[in-house]
Amino acid sequence: MMKLVPFLLTAAVFAAGLSAAELPAAASGARHFANCTQMHTVYIGGVARPGATDKRRHGGHAKYAPKVSAALYNANSGSDRDHDGIACEQ
């Protein structure tokens, strides 16, 4: 019994540390995608920050509407090549 108590305490501290480390990512709810292909499997039209407008060189419109979410856009803003506030639009 005496050998079991330190083991359980260590396991509890370790488990609490893992859940505390994952808390900020889970709390924000924003998922980071490595590239646009991965993003399109979940958000086919990409993600946009609120109030963003599409900049197209030759007019026209996007094929799919993006998911509007500031948190998602901030997590994936590196995929916004034309800096119009919409990441991975298509």
Protein backbone atom coordinates (compact mmCIF):
# COMPACT_ATOMS: atom_id res chain seq x y z
CA MET A 1 0.00 0.00 0.00
CA MET A 2 2.82 2.44 0.88
CA LYS A 3 4.44 1.91 -2.54
CA LEU A 4 1.14 2.55 -4.28
CA VAL A 5 0.54 6.02 -2.77
CA PRO A 6 3.60 7.75 -4.34
CA PHE A 7 2.83 6.11 -7.67
CA LEU A 8 -0.77 7.35 -7.62
CA LEU A 9 0.35 10.85 -6.59
CA THR A 10 2.87 10.97 -9.42
CA ALA A 11 0.28 9.74 -11.91
CA ALA A 12 -2.25 12.34 -10.73
CA VAL A 13 0.25 15.20 -11.01
CA PHE A 14 1.33 14.03 -14.46
CA ALA A 15 -2.27 13.73 -15.68
CA ALA A 16 -3.15 17.18 -14.30
CA GLY A 17 -0.15 18.67 -16.09
CA LEU A 18 -1.20 17.17 -19.41
CA SER A 19 -4.77 18.44 -19.11
CA ALA A 20 -3.56 21.91 -18.13
CA ALA A 21 -1.22 22.00 -21.12
CA GLU A 22 -4.05 21.14 -23.50
CA LEU A 23 -6.50 23.61 -22.00
CA PRO A 24 -5.58 26.77 -23.99
CA ALA A 25 -5.81 24.99 -27.35
CA ALA A 26 -9.14 23.41 -26.47
CA ALA A 27 -10.50 26.65 -25.03
CA SER A 28 -9.81 28.67 -28.17
CA GLY A 29 -11.46 26.07 -30.40
CA ALA A 30 -9.30 27.21 -33.32
CA ARG A 31 -7.71 24.41 -35.28
CA HIS A 32 -4.51 25.04 -37.21
CA PHE A 33 -4.17 23.38 -40.61
CA ALA A 34 -0.79 22.69 -42.22
CA ASN A 35 -2.01 23.66 -45.70
CA CYS A 36 -5.10 24.56 -47.70
CA THR A 37 -5.71 20.98 -48.83
CA GLN A 38 -6.15 19.91 -45.21
CA MET A 39 -8.37 22.93 -44.49
CA HIS A 40 -10.61 22.18 -47.48
CA THR A 41 -11.45 18.75 -46.07
CA VAL A 42 -13.20 20.53 -43.18
CA TYR A 43 -13.95 24.05 -44.51
CA ILE A 44 -14.37 23.76 -48.27
CA GLY A 45 -14.58 27.53 -48.79
CA GLY A 46 -11.72 28.34 -46.43
CA VAL A 47 -12.00 30.57 -43.37
CA ALA A 48 -12.50 34.32 -43.15
CA ARG A 49 -12.28 36.97 -40.49
CA PRO A 50 -15.47 38.97 -39.93
CA GLY A 51 -15.91 41.78 -42.47
CA ALA A 52 -13.42 40.39 -45.00
CA THR A 53 -14.04 40.90 -48.71
CA ASP A 54 -12.58 38.79 -51.49
CA LYS A 55 -9.98 40.45 -53.73
CA ARG A 56 -10.01 38.89 -57.19
CA ARG A 57 -7.76 40.12 -59.96
CA HIS A 58 -10.27 39.57 -62.76
CA GLY A 59 -13.56 39.94 -60.90
CA GLY A 60 -15.89 37.03 -60.33
CA HIS A 61 -16.77 35.38 -57.07
CA ALA A 62 -15.66 32.43 -54.96
CA LYS A 63 -17.07 29.01 -55.71
CA TYR A 64 -17.78 28.27 -52.02
CA ALA A 65 -18.59 30.57 -49.10
CA PRO A 66 -15.93 30.64 -46.37
CA LYS A 67 -16.56 29.91 -42.69
CA VAL A 68 -16.44 33.26 -40.86
CA SER A 69 -14.49 32.95 -37.61
CA ALA A 70 -11.87 35.31 -36.21
CA ALA A 71 -10.25 32.56 -34.13
CA LEU A 72 -9.99 30.14 -37.07
CA TYR A 73 -8.64 32.86 -39.35
CA ASN A 74 -6.03 33.94 -36.79
CA ALA A 75 -4.86 30.35 -36.38
CA ASN A 76 -4.50 29.96 -40.16
CA SER A 77 -3.67 33.49 -41.37
CA GLY A 78 -0.41 32.21 -42.87
CA SER A 79 -2.51 30.55 -45.58
CA ASP A 80 -3.97 33.89 -46.72
CA ARG A 81 -1.72 34.52 -49.72
CA ASP A 82 -3.42 37.69 -50.99
CA HIS A 83 -3.98 39.18 -47.50
CA ASP A 84 -7.67 39.87 -48.08
CA GLY A 85 -8.86 38.35 -44.80
CA ILE A 86 -9.89 35.01 -46.31
CA ALA A 87 -7.53 32.05 -45.95
CA CYS A 88 -7.66 29.26 -48.56
CA GLU A 89 -10.62 30.66 -50.49
CA GLN A 90 -11.73 28.79 -53.59
